[in-house]
C-alpha atoms as a PDB file:
ATOM      1  CA  MET A   1      33.599  11.366  32.907  1.00  0.00           C
ATOM      2  CA  ALA A   2      36.042   9.156  31.036  1.00  0.00           C
ATOM      3  CA  GLN A   3      35.349   7.792  27.565  1.00  0.00           C
ATOM      4  CA  VAL A   4      35.754   4.058  26.959  1.00  0.00           C
ATOM      5  CA  GLY A   5      36.724   2.633  23.587  1.00  0.00           C
ATOM      6  CA  ILE A   6      36.333  -1.021  22.605  1.00  0.00           C
ATOM      7  CA  ASN A   7      38.555  -1.828  19.598  1.00  0.00           C
ATOM      8  CA  ASN A   8      38.938   1.926  19.414  1.00  0.00           C
ATOM      9  CA  PRO A   9      41.928   3.617  21.069  1.00  0.00           C
ATOM     10  CA  ASN A  10      40.447   7.096  20.487  1.00  0.00           C
ATOM     11  CA  PRO A  11      36.807   7.029  21.703  1.00  0.00           C
ATOM     12  CA  THR A  12      34.638  10.016  20.867  1.00  0.00           C
ATOM     13  CA  ALA A  13      31.659   9.072  23.076  1.00  0.00           C
ATOM     14  CA  THR A  14      31.110   7.709  26.574  1.00  0.00           C
ATOM     15  CA  LEU A  15      31.157   4.217  25.035  1.00  0.00           C
ATOM     16  CA  ASP A  16      32.625   3.962  21.525  1.00  0.00           C
ATOM     17  CA  VAL A  17      32.497   0.434  20.049  1.00  0.00           C
ATOM     18  CA  THR A  18      34.198  -0.462  16.797  1.00  0.00           C
ATOM     19  CA  GLY A  19      32.855  -3.831  15.671  1.00  0.00           C
ATOM     20  CA  SER A  20      29.818  -5.998  16.351  1.00  0.00           C
ATOM     21  CA  VAL A  21      27.752  -5.837  19.522  1.00  0.00           C
ATOM     22  CA  LEU A  22      25.899  -8.886  20.844  1.00  0.00           C
ATOM     23  CA  VAL A  23      23.181  -8.195  23.417  1.00  0.00           C
ATOM     24  CA  GLY A  24      22.164 -11.342  25.298  1.00  0.00           C
ATOM     25  CA  LYS A  25      19.020  -9.998  26.946  1.00  0.00           C
ATOM     26  CA  ASN A  26      17.636  -6.454  26.977  1.00  0.00           C
ATOM     27  CA  LEU A  27      19.013  -3.237  25.548  1.00  0.00           C
ATOM     28  CA  TYR A  28      17.590   0.003  26.962  1.00  0.00           C
ATOM     29  CA  LEU A  29      17.899   3.372  25.234  1.00  0.00           C
ATOM     30  CA  GLU A  30      16.772   5.761  27.946  1.00  0.00           C
ATOM     31  CA  ASN A  31      17.775   8.971  26.217  1.00  0.00           C
ATOM     32  CA  PRO A  32      18.834   8.307  22.619  1.00  0.00           C
ATOM     33  CA  GLY A  33      18.575  11.971  21.637  1.00  0.00           C
ATOM     34  CA  GLU A  34      17.673  13.338  18.233  1.00  0.00           C
ATOM     35  CA  PHE A  35      19.155  11.962  15.042  1.00  0.00           C
ATOM     36  CA  PRO A  36      19.476  14.759  12.470  1.00  0.00           C
ATOM     37  CA  GLU A  37      20.375  12.484   9.545  1.00  0.00           C
ATOM     38  CA  ILE A  38      17.463  10.842   7.728  1.00  0.00           C
ATOM     39  CA  ARG A  39      18.991   9.797   4.429  1.00  0.00           C
ATOM     40  CA  GLY A  40      21.373   6.911   4.887  1.00  0.00           C
ATOM     41  CA  SER A  41      19.891   5.883   8.242  1.00  0.00           C
ATOM     42  CA  GLN A  42      19.162   2.196   8.832  1.00  0.00           C
ATOM     43  CA  LEU A  43      16.513   0.101  10.556  1.00  0.00           C
ATOM     44  CA  LEU A  44      17.182  -2.882  12.786  1.00  0.00           C
ATOM     45  CA  ILE A  45      14.846  -5.861  12.407  1.00  0.00           C
ATOM     46  CA  LYS A  46      14.511  -9.209  14.151  1.00  0.00           C
ATOM     47  CA  LYS A  47      14.546 -12.220  11.830  1.00  0.00           C
ATOM     48  CA  THR A  48      12.450 -15.339  12.397  1.00  0.00           C
ATOM     49  CA  ASP A  49      15.502 -17.011  14.004  1.00  0.00           C
ATOM     50  CA  GLU A  50      15.556 -14.127  16.562  1.00  0.00           C
ATOM     51  CA  GLN A  51      18.732 -12.648  15.066  1.00  0.00           C
ATOM     52  CA  VAL A  52      18.778  -8.832  14.958  1.00  0.00           C
ATOM     53  CA  VAL A  53      20.162  -7.513  11.681  1.00  0.00           C
ATOM     54  CA  LYS A  54      20.355  -4.280   9.712  1.00  0.00           C
ATOM     55  CA  TYR A  55      17.452  -3.931   7.279  1.00  0.00           C
ATOM     56  CA  ASP A  56      18.664  -3.403   3.729  1.00  0.00           C
ATOM     57  CA  ILE A  57      15.759  -2.556   1.409  1.00  0.00           C
ATOM     58  CA  ASP A  58      17.880  -3.269  -1.691  1.00  0.00           C
ATOM     59  CA  GLN A  59      18.333  -6.897  -0.622  1.00  0.00           C
ATOM     60  CA  SER A  60      14.810  -7.390   0.691  1.00  0.00           C
ATOM     61  CA  LYS A  61      11.965  -8.995  -1.241  1.00  0.00           C
ATOM     62  CA  TYR A  62       9.691  -6.242   0.056  1.00  0.00           C
ATOM     63  CA  GLY A  63       9.789  -2.879   1.756  1.00  0.00           C
ATOM     64  CA  PRO A  64       7.674  -1.796   4.708  1.00  0.00           C
ATOM     65  CA  ILE A  65       5.705   0.269   2.200  1.00  0.00           C
ATOM     66  CA  ASN A  66       5.704  -0.809  -1.448  1.00  0.00           C
ATOM     67  CA  TYR A  67       4.395   0.995  -4.524  1.00  0.00           C
ATOM     68  CA  VAL A  68       3.476  -0.549  -7.868  1.00  0.00           C
ATOM     69  CA  GLN A  69       1.514   0.549 -10.916  1.00  0.00           C
ATOM     70  CA  PHE A  70      -0.645  -2.007 -12.712  1.00  0.00           C
ATOM     71  CA  VAL A  71      -1.331  -1.174 -16.359  1.00  0.00           C
ATOM     72  CA  PHE A  72      -4.251  -3.000 -17.984  1.00  0.00           C
ATOM     73  CA  ARG A  73      -4.185  -2.406 -21.736  1.00  0.00           C
ATOM     74  CA  ASN A  74      -7.105  -2.883 -24.112  1.00  0.00           C
ATOM     75  CA  THR A  75      -9.646  -3.692 -21.409  1.00  0.00           C
ATOM     76  CA  ASN A  76     -13.288  -4.332 -22.205  1.00  0.00           C
ATOM     77  CA  THR A  77     -15.574  -1.339 -22.826  1.00  0.00           C
ATOM     78  CA  ILE A  78     -16.993  -1.825 -19.306  1.00  0.00           C
ATOM     79  CA  GLY A  79     -13.544  -1.926 -17.695  1.00  0.00           C
ATOM     80  CA  LEU A  80     -11.868  -4.480 -15.455  1.00  0.00           C
ATOM     81  CA  GLN A  81     -14.222  -6.816 -13.601  1.00  0.00           C
ATOM     82  CA  ASN A  82     -11.736  -8.937 -11.655  1.00  0.00           C
ATOM     83  CA  TYR A  83      -7.953  -9.283 -11.555  1.00  0.00           C
ATOM     84  CA  ASP A  84      -6.075 -11.487  -9.088  1.00  0.00           C
ATOM     85  CA  THR A  85      -2.841  -9.722  -8.101  1.00  0.00           C
ATOM     86  CA  LYS A  86      -1.571 -12.945  -6.406  1.00  0.00           C
ATOM     87  CA  ILE A  87      -0.536 -10.735  -3.453  1.00  0.00           C
ATOM     88  CA  SER A  88      -1.189 -12.597  -0.195  1.00  0.00           C
ATOM     89  CA  ALA A  89      -3.981 -11.113   1.916  1.00  0.00           C
ATOM     90  CA  ASN A  90      -2.430 -12.764   4.974  1.00  0.00           C
ATOM     91  CA  ASP A  91       0.890 -10.979   4.535  1.00  0.00           C
ATOM     92  CA  TYR A  92      -0.042  -7.655   2.933  1.00  0.00           C
ATOM     93  CA  LEU A  93      -2.560  -4.817   3.003  1.00  0.00           C
ATOM     94  CA  VAL A  94      -3.293  -3.363  -0.450  1.00  0.00           C
ATOM     95  CA  THR A  95      -4.857   0.041  -1.112  1.00  0.00           C
ATOM     96  CA  VAL A  96      -5.596   1.909  -4.331  1.00  0.00           C
ATOM     97  CA  GLN A  97      -3.569   5.121  -4.225  1.00  0.00           C
ATOM     98  CA  GLY A  98      -4.800   6.512  -7.521  1.00  0.00           C
ATOM     99  CA  PHE A  99      -5.897   5.641 -11.042  1.00  0.00           C
ATOM    100  CA  TYR A 100      -6.576   7.022 -14.488  1.00  0.00           C
ATOM    101  CA  PHE A 101      -7.674   5.688 -17.860  1.00  0.00           C
ATOM    102  CA  LEU A 102      -6.940   6.496 -21.493  1.00  0.00           C
ATOM    103  CA  VAL A 103      -8.514   5.551 -24.799  1.00  0.00           C
ATOM    104  CA  ASN A 104      -6.816   2.263 -25.714  1.00  0.00           C
ATOM    105  CA  GLY A 105      -3.506   2.735 -27.523  1.00  0.00           C
ATOM    106  CA  THR A 106      -3.539   6.536 -27.244  1.00  0.00           C
ATOM    107  CA  ASN A 107      -2.763   9.286 -24.785  1.00  0.00           C
ATOM    108  CA  SER A 108      -6.310  10.608 -25.037  1.00  0.00           C
ATOM    109  CA  THR A 109      -8.270  11.269 -21.861  1.00  0.00           C
ATOM    110  CA  ASN A 110     -11.382  12.167 -23.879  1.00  0.00           C
ATOM    111  CA  ILE A 111     -13.499   9.408 -22.376  1.00  0.00           C
ATOM    112  CA  THR A 112     -17.112   9.609 -21.329  1.00  0.00           C
ATOM    113  CA  ILE A 113     -19.385   7.100 -19.653  1.00  0.00           C
ATOM    114  CA  HIS A 114     -22.534   6.080 -21.506  1.00  0.00           C
ATOM    115  CA  SER A 115     -25.382   4.520 -19.534  1.00  0.00           C
ATOM    116  CA  ASN A 116     -26.933   1.286 -20.764  1.00  0.00           C
ATOM    117  CA  ILE A 117     -30.170   2.147 -18.946  1.00  0.00           C
ATOM    118  CA  ALA A 118     -31.223   5.536 -20.307  1.00  0.00           C
ATOM    119  CA  GLU A 119     -29.709   8.463 -22.157  1.00  0.00           C
ATOM    120  CA  ASP A 120     -30.262  10.809 -19.222  1.00  0.00           C
ATOM    121  CA  ASN A 121     -28.879   8.349 -16.654  1.00  0.00           C
ATOM    122  CA  ILE A 122     -25.450   9.187 -15.232  1.00  0.00           C
ATOM    123  CA  GLU A 123     -23.509   6.147 -14.074  1.00  0.00           C
ATOM    124  CA  GLY A 124     -20.407   6.083 -11.933  1.00  0.00           C
ATOM    125  CA  TYR A 125     -17.323   3.900 -11.874  1.00  0.00           C
ATOM    126  CA  GLN A 126     -15.719   1.871  -9.095  1.00  0.00           C
ATOM    127  CA  ILE A 127     -11.973   1.306  -8.675  1.00  0.00           C
ATOM    128  CA  TYR A 128     -10.913  -0.704  -5.630  1.00  0.00           C
ATOM    129  CA  ALA A 129      -8.847  -3.546  -4.172  1.00  0.00           C
ATOM    130  CA  TYR A 130     -10.480  -6.314  -2.144  1.00  0.00           C
ATOM    131  CA  THR A 131      -9.658  -9.674  -0.576  1.00  0.00           C
ATOM    132  CA  ASP A 132     -10.998 -12.779  -2.291  1.00  0.00           C
ATOM    133  CA  ASN A 133     -11.733 -15.301   0.461  1.00  0.00           C
ATOM    134  CA  SER A 134     -11.378 -18.307  -1.852  1.00  0.00           C
ATOM    135  CA  THR A 135      -7.795 -17.435  -2.866  1.00  0.00           C
ATOM    136  CA  GLN A 136      -6.775 -15.306   0.151  1.00  0.00           C
ATOM    137  CA  THR A 137      -5.207 -12.880  -2.300  1.00  0.00           C
ATOM    138  CA  TRP A 138      -5.875  -9.264  -3.215  1.00  0.00           C
ATOM    139  CA  HIS A 139      -8.011  -8.625  -6.302  1.00  0.00           C
ATOM    140  CA  ILE A 140      -8.628  -5.404  -8.264  1.00  0.00           C
ATOM    141  CA  LYS A 141     -11.756  -4.088  -9.941  1.00  0.00           C
ATOM    142  CA  GLY A 142     -12.088  -1.027 -12.160  1.00  0.00           C
ATOM    143  CA  PHE A 143     -15.402  -0.784 -13.972  1.00  0.00           C
ATOM    144  CA  VAL A 144     -18.443   1.358 -14.720  1.00  0.00           C
ATOM    145  CA  ASN A 145     -21.946   0.558 -13.462  1.00  0.00           C
ATOM    146  CA  ASP A 146     -24.408  -0.469 -16.219  1.00  0.00           C
ATOM    147  CA  SER A 147     -22.393   1.563 -18.699  1.00  0.00           C
ATOM    148  CA  THR A 148     -19.623   1.569 -21.267  1.00  0.00           C
ATOM    149  CA  PHE A 149     -16.621   3.794 -21.830  1.00  0.00           C
ATOM    150  CA  ARG A 150     -16.919   5.947 -24.956  1.00  0.00           C
ATOM    151  CA  ASN A 151     -14.374   7.936 -26.945  1.00  0.00           C
ATOM    152  CA  ASP A 152     -14.721  11.471 -28.319  1.00  0.00           C
ATOM    153  CA  ALA A 153     -16.522  10.054 -31.394  1.00  0.00           C
ATOM    154  CA  ASN A 154     -19.213   8.778 -28.997  1.00  0.00           C
ATOM    155  CA  ALA A 155     -18.402   5.146 -29.821  1.00  0.00           C
ATOM    156  CA  ASP A 156     -17.824   2.414 -27.280  1.00  0.00           C
ATOM    157  CA  THR A 157     -14.100   2.033 -26.683  1.00  0.00           C
ATOM    158  CA  ALA A 158     -11.663  -0.187 -24.895  1.00  0.00           C
ATOM    159  CA  ILE A 159      -9.463   1.620 -22.374  1.00  0.00           C
ATOM    160  CA  ASP A 160      -5.994   1.422 -20.921  1.00  0.00           C
ATOM    161  CA  LEU A 161      -6.475   1.437 -17.150  1.00  0.00           C
ATOM    162  CA  TYR A 162      -3.644   2.554 -14.850  1.00  0.00           C
ATOM    163  CA  ILE A 163      -4.063   1.658 -11.162  1.00  0.00           C
ATOM    164  CA  ASN A 164      -1.482   2.696  -8.547  1.00  0.00           C
ATOM    165  CA  LEU A 165      -1.308   0.443  -5.500  1.00  0.00           C
ATOM    166  CA  ILE A 166       0.354   0.943  -2.132  1.00  0.00           C
ATOM    167  CA  ILE A 167       1.199  -2.380  -0.483  1.00  0.00           C
ATOM    168  CA  PHE A 168       1.898  -2.480   3.252  1.00  0.00           C
ATOM    169  CA  ARG A 169       3.643  -5.438   4.860  1.00  0.00           C
ATOM    170  CA  ASN A 170       1.433  -6.774   7.696  1.00  0.00           C
ATOM    171  CA  GLY A 171       3.182  -6.998  11.033  1.00  0.00           C
ATOM    172  CA  PHE A 172       6.025  -4.753   9.915  1.00  0.00           C
ATOM    173  CA  ILE A 173       4.330  -1.404   9.547  1.00  0.00           C
ATOM    174  CA  ALA A 174       0.637  -2.241   9.028  1.00  0.00           C
ATOM    175  CA  LYS A 175      -1.682  -3.771  11.619  1.00  0.00           C
ATOM    176  CA  PRO A 176      -5.026  -4.986  10.261  1.00  0.00           C
ATOM    177  CA  LEU A 177      -7.925  -4.145  12.571  1.00  0.00           C
ATOM    178  CA  GLU A 178     -11.403  -5.572  12.838  1.00  0.00           C
ATOM    179  CA  ASN A 179     -14.006  -4.333  10.355  1.00  0.00           C
ATOM    180  CA  VAL A 180     -16.138  -1.409  11.515  1.00  0.00           C
ATOM    181  CA  TYR A 181     -19.834  -1.833  10.715  1.00  0.00           C
ATOM    182  CA  VAL A 182     -22.074   1.239  10.990  1.00  0.00           C
ATOM    183  CA  ASN A 183     -25.860   1.167  10.593  1.00  0.00           C
ATOM    184  CA  MET A 184     -26.691   4.634   9.294  1.00  0.00           C
ATOM    185  CA  ASN A 185     -30.477   4.151   9.756  1.00  0.00           C
ATOM    186  CA  ASN A 186     -31.062   6.168   6.590  1.00  0.00           C
ATOM    187  CA  GLN A 187     -29.245   9.182   8.066  1.00  0.00           C
ATOM    188  CA  GLU A 188     -26.664  11.338   6.281  1.00  0.00           C
ATOM    189  CA  THR A 189     -24.357  11.713   9.284  1.00  0.00           C
ATOM    190  CA  LYS A 190     -23.690   9.763  12.429  1.00  0.00           C
ATOM    191  CA  THR A 191     -21.170   9.771  15.286  1.00  0.00           C
ATOM    192  CA  VAL A 192     -19.720   6.409  16.276  1.00  0.00           C
ATOM    193  CA  PRO A 193     -16.815   5.308  18.479  1.00  0.00           C
ATOM    194  CA  ALA A 194     -13.336   5.269  16.932  1.00  0.00           C
ATOM    195  CA  PRO A 195     -11.892   1.918  15.823  1.00  0.00           C
ATOM    196  CA  THR A 196     -10.299  -0.117  18.628  1.00  0.00           C
ATOM    197  CA  GLY A 197      -6.901   1.271  19.548  1.00  0.00           C
ATOM    198  CA  PHE A 198      -7.477   4.839  18.330  1.00  0.00           C
END
């Protein structure tokens, strides 16, 4: 089989094109084969004006998957009750990837949780991202239930709270699905159908 070169007098494939390619309708890749190179590879995306271009993450406002660390210094002794990230809930999906806290202004992890209810009561903390329907943006909470953070001297202390977020671009790599509601009927385990599409 002969090799055809366009703007290339020495083709090295069945069709070897040097320059831009404009496809007016459909392009079919029936057997693209394996691509051994991962680093340096590029994605093609379709812009809102229907133009297909090479995706350059360095020039983009966002990546398909984004990572950011929020650092809240000198928070209240009960933690962070509500922070508006200003990240659009319509455009992004935000998840908490991890977190940790330190005694304010130090590198000390010697923090305990002291219950406001009773000395023998053990309270837990909650760290999560959620959508605020009034702003349609993602908010963060990081607090202890009915408790305060205490340092190694057993005194209430402010903390520095580090929360790592992963932010997925909706429609590009993340597809929000309908909420799944499960009535556990006071049972520890239950089998339910998988979310739609899985």
